[in-house]
Amino acid sequence: MTKTSKKISPATKPDTKVVHASVNPLEHEGMANIPVYHTSTIMKPNLDDYRQGRGKYDYGRKGTPTSQATEEAVASLYKMDDCVATPSGLSAICLAISSVLKSGDHALFPDSMYGSGRRFIDNVLPQMGISVGIYEPSITADELTAHFQDNTRLFYLESPGSLTFEMQDIPALTTCAHDHQCLVAIDNTWATAMYFDAVKHDMDIVIEAGTKYISGHSDVSMGFVISSGNTAHTIRQYAQNTGICVAPDEHYLAMRGMRTMALRLRQSEENGLALATWLEQQPEVIQMLHPALPSHPGHHHWQRDFSGSSGLFGFVIDPNIPIMAIDSMADNLDWFGIGASWGGHESLISQGRFKRTVSSIPDGTLLRIYAGLEDKDDLIADLQAGFQRMRGANT
């Protein structure tokens, strides 16, 4: 018997899946990684095969062995039926929402939603005849009930919240939404499939920005929408009908990054916790926004629902510290770049800007840190020097 593929099952551990999912070397002349198929046209052996649509692939935009391998690998990680790759995390959000809603529908979103996604639901959904309700992320299931309407079709979660890192009561809110015959979607970019079991928590749709931890090297823009059953069919058809596709090189880089994802995620988590613990002890920091810290108000939700934490977190600096002093700290750090995105090998720092109706975040300057893969002692020493500069500039 010739061995043609790795045996991946729902019971296979995530650390093993990220290494072996969609690895079929003997189907590709023994190549360890899936080859990059650059193509638009796919030839058929005869006109009748073309006419009948025979064959596994029929046009590059609809899929190739390269794109299929990536999508199957991510679907396997989530133990769900299908995954559609999109050109960015934002496009994944837009696809997930648009594909399951129609004119006249109503959908509910948390006030802590990722900013670019928030602009989409505020500006584009109303143009499509879809009404939007915004709820406070810390809402209870009993409080949530009042937000549902007869035409509510989608309930959207993001836990922790973008920039502000509120933890939601996922099981209670999901049960409430399903009781109201709503699909439940979650943006799971922060935790990934490694640290949050979407099937166990009864998610219908999962969104993940592959730009972040899956690709892992700050050189890919990609998104994924993962689902099962009829919902998966609906999303796949919508993506094909709207021409959504991703270049083969991006697929290849995402698959290559995925192989080391478990190791990178653990290092990022360890560094993030070390930095957050150090920052929490600084007198200028008036609130830490890291769900894995016991001081976080949603820590109990994180402990119950998640098996690990991301290296992304926030903190608030005393409003009495002038912005020029904060700039002197951040602008001269050696190991932290200043920029958007995260999930790569390098650490980052940025200032949070967010639109909120109601905010649990105190007045002050909200900074966000992504802990990369550097030595945590070097990162802490860098922040120590930065805080000394900030204190000197504030005298």
Protein backbone atom coordinates (compact mmCIF):
# COMPACT_ATOMS: atom_id res chain seq x y z
CA MET A 1 0.00 0.00 0.00
CA THR A 2 1.40 3.37 -0.99
CA LYS A 3 1.19 6.08 1.65
CA THR A 4 -0.23 9.17 -0.03
CA SER A 5 -1.34 11.48 2.77
CA LYS A 6 -1.19 12.16 6.49
CA LYS A 7 -4.06 10.88 8.60
CA ILE A 8 -5.71 13.98 10.03
CA SER A 9 -8.85 13.48 12.10
CA PRO A 10 -10.91 15.74 14.39
CA ALA A 11 -9.11 14.10 17.32
CA THR A 12 -5.66 15.06 16.03
CA LYS A 13 -4.07 17.64 18.32
CA PRO A 14 -3.81 21.21 16.95
CA ASP A 15 0.00 21.25 17.25
CA THR A 16 0.12 18.23 14.94
CA LYS A 17 -2.50 19.58 12.57
CA VAL A 18 -0.62 22.79 11.83
CA VAL A 19 2.41 20.74 10.82
CA HIS A 20 0.70 18.07 8.74
CA ALA A 21 -2.65 19.42 7.50
CA SER A 22 -2.89 19.26 3.69
CA VAL A 23 0.57 17.68 3.41
CA ASN A 24 0.43 15.10 0.59
CA PRO A 25 4.01 14.84 -0.75
CA LEU A 26 3.49 11.75 -2.87
CA GLU A 27 0.69 13.45 -4.77
CA HIS A 28 3.23 16.07 -5.86
CA GLU A 29 6.30 14.04 -6.79
CA GLY A 30 7.46 13.88 -3.17
CA MET A 31 7.57 17.65 -2.60
CA ALA A 32 7.25 18.44 1.12
CA ASN A 33 5.27 21.64 0.48
CA ILE A 34 2.36 22.09 -1.88
CA PRO A 35 3.59 23.62 -5.17
CA VAL A 36 2.44 27.08 -6.21
CA TYR A 37 0.00 26.80 -9.10
CA HIS A 38 -0.02 30.05 -11.07
CA THR A 39 -2.93 29.73 -13.45
CA SER A 40 -6.12 31.20 -14.74
CA THR A 41 -6.90 28.75 -17.57
CA ILE A 42 -7.28 25.06 -16.73
CA MET A 43 -7.30 22.77 -19.77
CA LYS A 44 -9.77 19.93 -20.32
CA PRO A 45 -8.95 16.85 -22.38
CA ASN A 46 -11.97 17.28 -24.67
CA LEU A 47 -14.93 19.54 -25.35
CA ASP A 48 -17.41 17.20 -23.68
CA ASP A 49 -15.47 17.33 -20.40
CA TYR A 50 -15.43 21.11 -20.68
CA ARG A 51 -19.15 21.18 -21.46
CA GLN A 52 -20.05 18.90 -18.54
CA GLY A 53 -17.67 20.58 -16.10
CA ARG A 54 -15.76 17.40 -15.39
CA GLY A 55 -12.59 17.49 -13.37
CA LYS A 56 -11.58 18.74 -9.95
CA TYR A 57 -10.70 22.28 -11.12
CA ASP A 58 -12.10 24.39 -13.93
CA TYR A 59 -10.76 27.93 -13.50
CA GLY A 60 -7.95 29.42 -11.43
CA ARG A 61 -10.16 31.92 -9.60
CA LYS A 62 -12.39 29.09 -8.34
CA GLY A 63 -9.57 27.00 -6.92
CA THR A 64 -6.30 25.22 -7.51
CA PRO A 65 -4.38 22.57 -5.56
CA THR A 66 -2.56 25.43 -3.79
CA SER A 67 -5.68 27.27 -2.63
CA GLN A 68 -7.52 24.07 -1.81
CA ALA A 69 -4.66 22.93 0.44
CA THR A 70 -4.73 26.15 2.47
CA GLU A 71 -8.50 26.17 2.87
CA GLU A 72 -8.65 22.50 3.80
CA ALA A 73 -5.87 22.96 6.36
CA VAL A 74 -7.64 25.86 8.10
CA ALA A 75 -10.99 24.04 8.04
CA SER A 76 -9.25 21.05 9.61
CA LEU A 77 -7.82 23.21 12.38
CA TYR A 78 -11.33 24.36 13.25
CA LYS A 79 -12.93 20.91 12.75
CA MET A 80 -15.44 22.51 10.40
CA ASP A 81 -16.58 21.60 6.89
CA ASP A 82 -15.23 24.42 4.76
CA CYS A 83 -12.99 27.47 4.71
CA VAL A 84 -12.98 30.29 2.17
CA ALA A 85 -9.80 32.31 1.84
CA THR A 86 -10.14 36.04 1.18
CA PRO A 87 -7.62 38.80 0.35
CA SER A 88 -7.62 40.32 3.88
CA GLY A 89 -9.05 40.00 7.36
CA LEU A 90 -11.49 42.80 6.60
CA SER A 91 -12.70 41.10 3.43
CA ALA A 92 -13.31 37.95 5.50
CA ILE A 93 -15.50 39.97 7.88
CA CYS A 94 -17.39 41.48 4.96
CA LEU A 95 -17.88 38.08 3.28
CA ALA A 96 -19.08 36.38 6.45
CA ILE A 97 -21.65 39.09 7.14
CA SER A 98 -22.85 39.82 3.61
CA SER A 99 -23.25 36.20 2.57
CA VAL A 100 -25.82 35.34 5.26
CA LEU A 101 -27.83 38.60 5.32
CA LYS A 102 -30.23 40.16 2.86
CA SER A 103 -32.19 43.37 2.55
CA GLY A 104 -34.67 43.67 5.41
CA ASP A 105 -32.57 41.69 7.87
CA HIS A 106 -31.22 42.92 11.21
CA ALA A 107 -27.88 41.95 12.80
CA LEU A 108 -26.25 42.56 16.20
CA PHE A 109 -22.62 43.56 16.70
CA PRO A 110 -20.51 44.35 19.80
CA ASP A 111 -19.49 47.92 20.47
CA SER A 112 -15.91 46.69 20.70
CA MET A 113 -15.82 45.40 17.12
CA TYR A 114 -12.64 45.79 15.02
CA GLY A 115 -12.63 49.33 13.66
CA SER A 116 -12.56 48.56 9.94
CA GLY A 117 -15.35 46.04 10.40
CA ARG A 118 -17.29 48.67 12.34
CA ARG A 119 -17.02 51.06 9.40
CA PHE A 120 -18.39 48.35 7.13
CA ILE A 121 -21.46 47.69 9.26
CA ASP A 122 -22.04 51.42 9.88
CA ASN A 123 -21.66 52.57 6.27
CA VAL A 124 -22.20 49.65 3.88
CA LEU A 125 -24.85 47.45 5.49
CA PRO A 126 -27.45 50.26 5.59
CA GLN A 127 -26.90 50.75 1.84
CA MET A 128 -27.78 47.06 1.44
CA GLY A 129 -31.02 47.51 3.37
CA ILE A 130 -29.67 45.72 6.45
CA SER A 131 -30.24 47.31 9.86
CA VAL A 132 -27.58 47.17 12.55
CA GLY A 133 -27.85 46.96 16.33
CA ILE A 134 -24.89 47.65 18.61
CA TYR A 135 -24.65 46.02 22.02
CA GLU A 136 -22.29 46.53 24.94
CA PRO A 137 -19.77 43.64 24.89
CA SER A 138 -20.17 42.90 28.61
CA ILE A 139 -23.92 42.39 28.18
CA THR A 140 -25.61 39.42 29.88
CA ALA A 141 -27.86 36.98 28.07
CA ASP A 142 -30.91 38.37 29.87
CA GLU A 143 -30.01 41.90 28.80
CA LEU A 144 -29.29 40.76 25.25
CA THR A 145 -32.81 39.40 24.75
CA ALA A 146 -34.23 42.91 24.45
CA HIS A 147 -31.96 43.61 21.44
CA PHE A 148 -33.42 40.91 19.20
CA GLN A 149 -36.03 41.74 16.61
CA ASP A 150 -38.25 39.48 14.54
CA ASN A 151 -35.86 39.96 11.61
CA THR A 152 -32.56 39.49 13.50
CA ARG A 153 -30.57 36.91 11.55
CA LEU A 154 -26.96 37.27 12.75
CA PHE A 155 -25.33 37.69 16.14
CA TYR A 156 -21.65 38.66 16.04
CA LEU A 157 -19.02 38.12 18.73
CA GLU A 158 -15.49 39.43 19.14
CA SER A 159 -13.88 38.21 22.33
CA PRO A 160 -11.67 39.81 23.42
CA GLY A 161 -12.78 43.08 21.87
CA SER A 162 -10.57 44.88 19.41
CA LEU A 163 -8.27 47.39 21.16
CA THR A 164 -10.29 47.37 24.39
CA PHE A 165 -10.07 43.61 25.08
CA GLU A 166 -13.41 43.01 26.82
CA MET A 167 -14.25 39.33 27.28
CA GLN A 168 -17.75 38.22 26.39
CA ASP A 169 -19.84 35.51 28.02
CA ILE A 170 -19.68 33.40 24.87
CA PRO A 171 -21.73 30.33 25.95
CA ALA A 172 -24.62 32.31 27.43
CA LEU A 173 -24.79 34.82 24.57
CA THR A 174 -24.54 32.08 21.93
CA THR A 175 -27.34 30.08 23.51
CA CYS A 176 -29.50 33.21 23.64
CA ALA A 177 -28.84 33.97 19.97
CA HIS A 178 -29.61 30.42 18.87
CA ASP A 179 -32.82 30.52 20.89
CA HIS A 180 -33.75 33.49 18.70
CA GLN A 181 -32.95 31.50 15.54
CA CYS A 182 -29.83 33.54 14.77
CA LEU A 183 -26.56 32.44 13.23
CA VAL A 184 -23.60 33.18 15.50
CA ALA A 185 -20.32 34.44 14.06
CA ILE A 186 -17.08 35.16 15.91
CA ASP A 187 -13.94 37.04 14.95
CA ASN A 188 -11.39 34.63 16.42
CA THR A 189 -8.18 36.25 15.20
CA TRP A 190 -6.86 36.91 18.72
CA ALA A 191 -7.08 33.31 19.95
CA THR A 192 -6.91 31.33 16.69
CA ALA A 193 -8.05 27.73 16.50
CA MET A 194 -5.15 26.83 18.81
CA TYR A 195 -6.67 28.55 21.85
CA PHE A 196 -10.43 28.62 21.17
CA ASP A 197 -12.53 25.63 20.16
CA ALA A 198 -15.24 27.10 17.94
CA VAL A 199 -17.15 23.84 17.46
CA LYS A 200 -17.24 23.16 21.20
CA HIS A 201 -18.67 26.66 21.68
CA ASP A 202 -21.32 26.13 18.99
CA MET A 203 -20.13 28.77 16.52
CA ASP A 204 -21.79 28.81 13.10
CA ILE A 205 -19.20 31.05 11.42
CA VAL A 206 -15.59 31.77 12.37
CA ILE A 207 -13.56 34.65 10.96
CA GLU A 208 -9.79 34.81 11.24
CA ALA A 209 -7.31 37.25 9.75
CA GLY A 210 -4.69 34.96 8.24
CA THR A 211 -2.51 38.05 8.01
CA LYS A 212 -1.77 37.56 11.71
CA TYR A 213 -0.68 34.31 13.36
CA ILE A 214 -1.35 31.86 10.53
CA SER A 215 0.95 33.63 8.07
CA GLY A 216 3.10 34.94 10.89
CA HIS A 217 5.75 36.98 9.11
CA SER A 218 4.18 40.37 8.36
CA ASP A 219 4.29 39.79 4.62
CA VAL A 220 0.84 38.40 3.75
CA SER A 221 -2.63 39.92 3.60
CA MET A 222 -5.26 37.22 3.96
CA GLY A 223 -8.51 36.28 5.68
CA PHE A 224 -10.49 33.11 6.31
CA VAL A 225 -14.19 32.37 6.80
CA ILE A 226 -14.81 28.93 8.30
CA SER A 227 -18.20 27.23 8.66
CA SER A 228 -20.15 24.01 8.24
CA GLY A 229 -23.26 22.59 6.63
CA ASN A 230 -25.69 24.78 4.71
CA THR A 231 -24.01 27.92 6.02
CA ALA A 232 -20.73 26.80 4.49
CA HIS A 233 -22.45 26.23 1.14
CA THR A 234 -24.03 29.69 1.28
CA ILE A 235 -20.70 31.39 2.03
CA ARG A 236 -18.83 29.42 -0.64
CA GLN A 237 -21.42 30.29 -3.30
CA TYR A 238 -21.42 33.96 -2.34
CA ALA A 239 -17.62 34.08 -2.55
CA GLN A 240 -17.65 32.49 -6.00
CA ASN A 241 -20.46 34.71 -7.24
CA THR A 242 -18.57 37.84 -6.15
CA GLY A 243 -15.19 36.72 -7.51
CA ILE A 244 -13.37 36.52 -4.17
CA CYS A 245 -10.01 34.79 -4.52
CA VAL A 246 -6.44 35.00 -3.24
CA ALA A 247 -3.19 34.89 -5.23
CA PRO A 248 -1.33 31.55 -5.10
CA ASP A 249 1.83 33.01 -3.59
CA GLU A 250 -0.19 34.25 -0.61
CA HIS A 251 -1.60 30.77 -0.13
CA TYR A 252 1.88 29.29 -0.22
CA LEU A 253 3.23 31.76 2.33
CA ALA A 254 0.26 31.20 4.62
CA MET A 255 0.75 27.44 4.50
CA ARG A 256 4.47 27.80 5.18
CA GLY A 257 3.77 30.08 8.13
CA MET A 258 1.17 27.71 9.52
CA ARG A 259 3.78 24.98 10.05
CA THR A 260 5.45 26.95 12.86
CA MET A 261 2.28 28.59 14.17
CA ALA A 262 2.04 26.58 17.41
CA LEU A 263 5.62 27.43 18.42
CA ARG A 264 5.28 31.11 17.50
CA LEU A 265 1.98 31.48 19.30
CA ARG A 266 3.37 30.00 22.51
CA GLN A 267 6.41 32.30 22.41
CA SER A 268 4.23 35.32 21.72
CA GLU A 269 1.91 34.34 24.59
CA GLU A 270 4.83 33.92 27.03
CA ASN A 271 6.35 37.25 26.03
CA GLY A 272 3.01 39.02 26.19
CA LEU A 273 2.30 37.81 29.71
CA ALA A 274 5.79 38.84 30.86
CA LEU A 275 5.39 42.34 29.40
CA ALA A 276 1.86 42.76 30.75
CA THR A 277 2.93 41.67 34.23
CA TRP A 278 5.78 44.18 34.19
CA LEU A 279 3.59 47.00 32.86
CA GLU A 280 0.93 46.38 35.48
CA GLN A 281 3.47 47.29 38.17
CA GLN A 282 4.26 50.71 36.68
CA PRO A 283 2.57 53.65 38.45
CA GLU A 284 1.79 55.43 35.18
CA VAL A 285 -0.32 52.48 33.98
CA ILE A 286 -3.83 52.91 35.34
CA GLN A 287 -5.43 49.88 33.65
CA MET A 288 -4.16 46.73 31.97
CA LEU A 289 -6.19 45.22 29.14
CA HIS A 290 -4.98 41.61 29.05
CA PRO A 291 -7.63 38.90 29.63
CA ALA A 292 -5.11 36.39 31.00
CA LEU A 293 -4.23 38.67 33.92
CA PRO A 294 -6.24 37.95 37.10
CA SER A 295 -6.94 41.68 37.39
CA HIS A 296 -8.90 41.72 34.11
CA PRO A 297 -12.67 41.93 34.76
CA GLY A 298 -13.33 39.22 32.17
CA HIS A 299 -10.55 36.92 33.35
CA HIS A 300 -13.05 34.26 34.49
CA HIS A 301 -14.52 34.10 30.98
CA TRP A 302 -11.04 33.71 29.51
CA GLN A 303 -10.19 30.92 31.96
CA ARG A 304 -13.40 29.04 31.15
CA ASP A 305 -13.49 29.39 27.36
CA PHE A 306 -9.88 29.70 26.17
CA SER A 307 -6.85 27.43 26.46
CA GLY A 308 -4.25 30.18 25.98
CA SER A 309 -3.75 33.86 25.30
CA SER A 310 -2.48 35.91 22.41
CA GLY A 311 0.54 38.20 22.59
CA LEU A 312 -1.71 41.17 21.82
CA PHE A 313 -2.95 43.37 24.66
CA GLY A 314 -3.45 46.99 25.70
CA PHE A 315 -2.86 49.31 28.62
CA VAL A 316 -3.95 52.80 29.60
CA ILE A 317 -1.50 55.48 30.72
CA ASP A 318 -2.50 58.12 33.26
CA PRO A 319 -4.17 61.11 31.51
CA ASN A 320 -1.85 63.43 33.44
CA ILE A 321 1.10 62.15 31.40
CA PRO A 322 1.46 64.48 28.39
CA ILE A 323 1.48 62.93 24.96
CA MET A 324 4.97 64.27 24.20
CA ALA A 325 6.31 62.26 27.16
CA ILE A 326 4.55 59.13 25.89
CA ASP A 327 5.99 59.78 22.43
CA SER A 328 9.49 59.98 23.88
CA MET A 329 8.96 56.53 25.35
CA ALA A 330 7.52 54.86 22.25
CA ASP A 331 9.45 56.62 19.48
CA ASN A 332 12.84 55.51 20.74
CA LEU A 333 12.24 51.87 21.57
CA ASP A 334 14.80 49.51 20.06
CA TRP A 335 12.78 46.33 19.65
CA PHE A 336 9.21 47.59 19.14
CA GLY A 337 8.15 48.84 15.74
CA ILE A 338 5.36 51.38 15.44
CA GLY A 339 2.71 50.13 13.08
CA ALA A 340 -0.62 48.44 12.52
CA SER A 341 -1.32 44.73 12.29
CA TRP A 342 0.34 42.07 14.47
CA GLY A 343 1.02 38.35 14.62
CA GLY A 344 4.43 38.54 12.96
CA HIS A 345 7.88 37.84 14.33
CA GLU A 346 8.55 41.42 15.50
CA SER A 347 7.09 43.27 18.49
CA LEU A 348 4.94 46.35 17.89
CA ILE A 349 3.51 49.28 19.80
CA SER A 350 0.74 51.61 18.66
CA GLN A 351 -1.85 54.00 20.02
CA GLY A 352 -5.42 52.76 20.17
CA ARG A 353 -8.11 54.72 18.36
CA PHE A 354 -11.62 53.40 18.63
CA LYS A 355 -15.24 54.38 18.22
CA ARG A 356 -17.38 53.43 21.19
CA THR A 357 -20.90 54.28 22.27
CA VAL A 358 -20.22 53.22 25.84
CA SER A 359 -16.70 52.63 27.11
CA SER A 360 -15.35 50.77 30.11
CA ILE A 361 -11.92 52.24 29.38
CA PRO A 362 -10.84 55.09 31.68
CA ASP A 363 -9.59 58.42 30.38
CA GLY A 364 -5.96 58.29 29.41
CA THR A 365 -3.77 57.22 26.51
CA LEU A 366 -4.52 53.70 25.32
CA LEU A 367 -1.48 51.93 23.93
CA ARG A 368 -1.49 48.52 22.30
CA ILE A 369 1.43 46.09 22.36
CA TYR A 370 2.03 43.02 20.27
CA ALA A 371 4.70 40.78 21.79
CA GLY A 372 6.75 39.15 19.06
CA LEU A 373 9.40 36.45 19.23
CA GLU A 374 12.33 38.35 20.73
CA ASP A 375 13.83 37.49 24.11
CA LYS A 376 11.42 38.75 26.76
CA ASP A 377 14.25 40.15 28.90
CA ASP A 378 15.34 42.37 26.01
CA LEU A 379 11.75 43.53 25.49
CA ILE A 380 11.29 44.36 29.18
CA ALA A 381 14.62 46.19 29.31
CA ASP A 382 13.53 48.19 26.27
CA LEU A 383 10.28 49.20 27.97
CA GLN A 384 12.13 50.04 31.19
CA ALA A 385 14.35 52.46 29.31
CA GLY A 386 11.30 53.87 27.56
CA PHE A 387 9.44 54.51 30.79
CA GLN A 388 12.52 56.24 32.18
CA ARG A 389 12.50 58.55 29.15
CA MET A 390 8.80 59.19 29.69
CA ARG A 391 9.37 60.08 33.33
CA GLY A 392 12.24 62.36 32.44
CA ALA A 393 10.15 64.15 29.82
CA ASN A 394 7.33 64.58 32.35
CA THR A 395 9.37 66.38 35.02
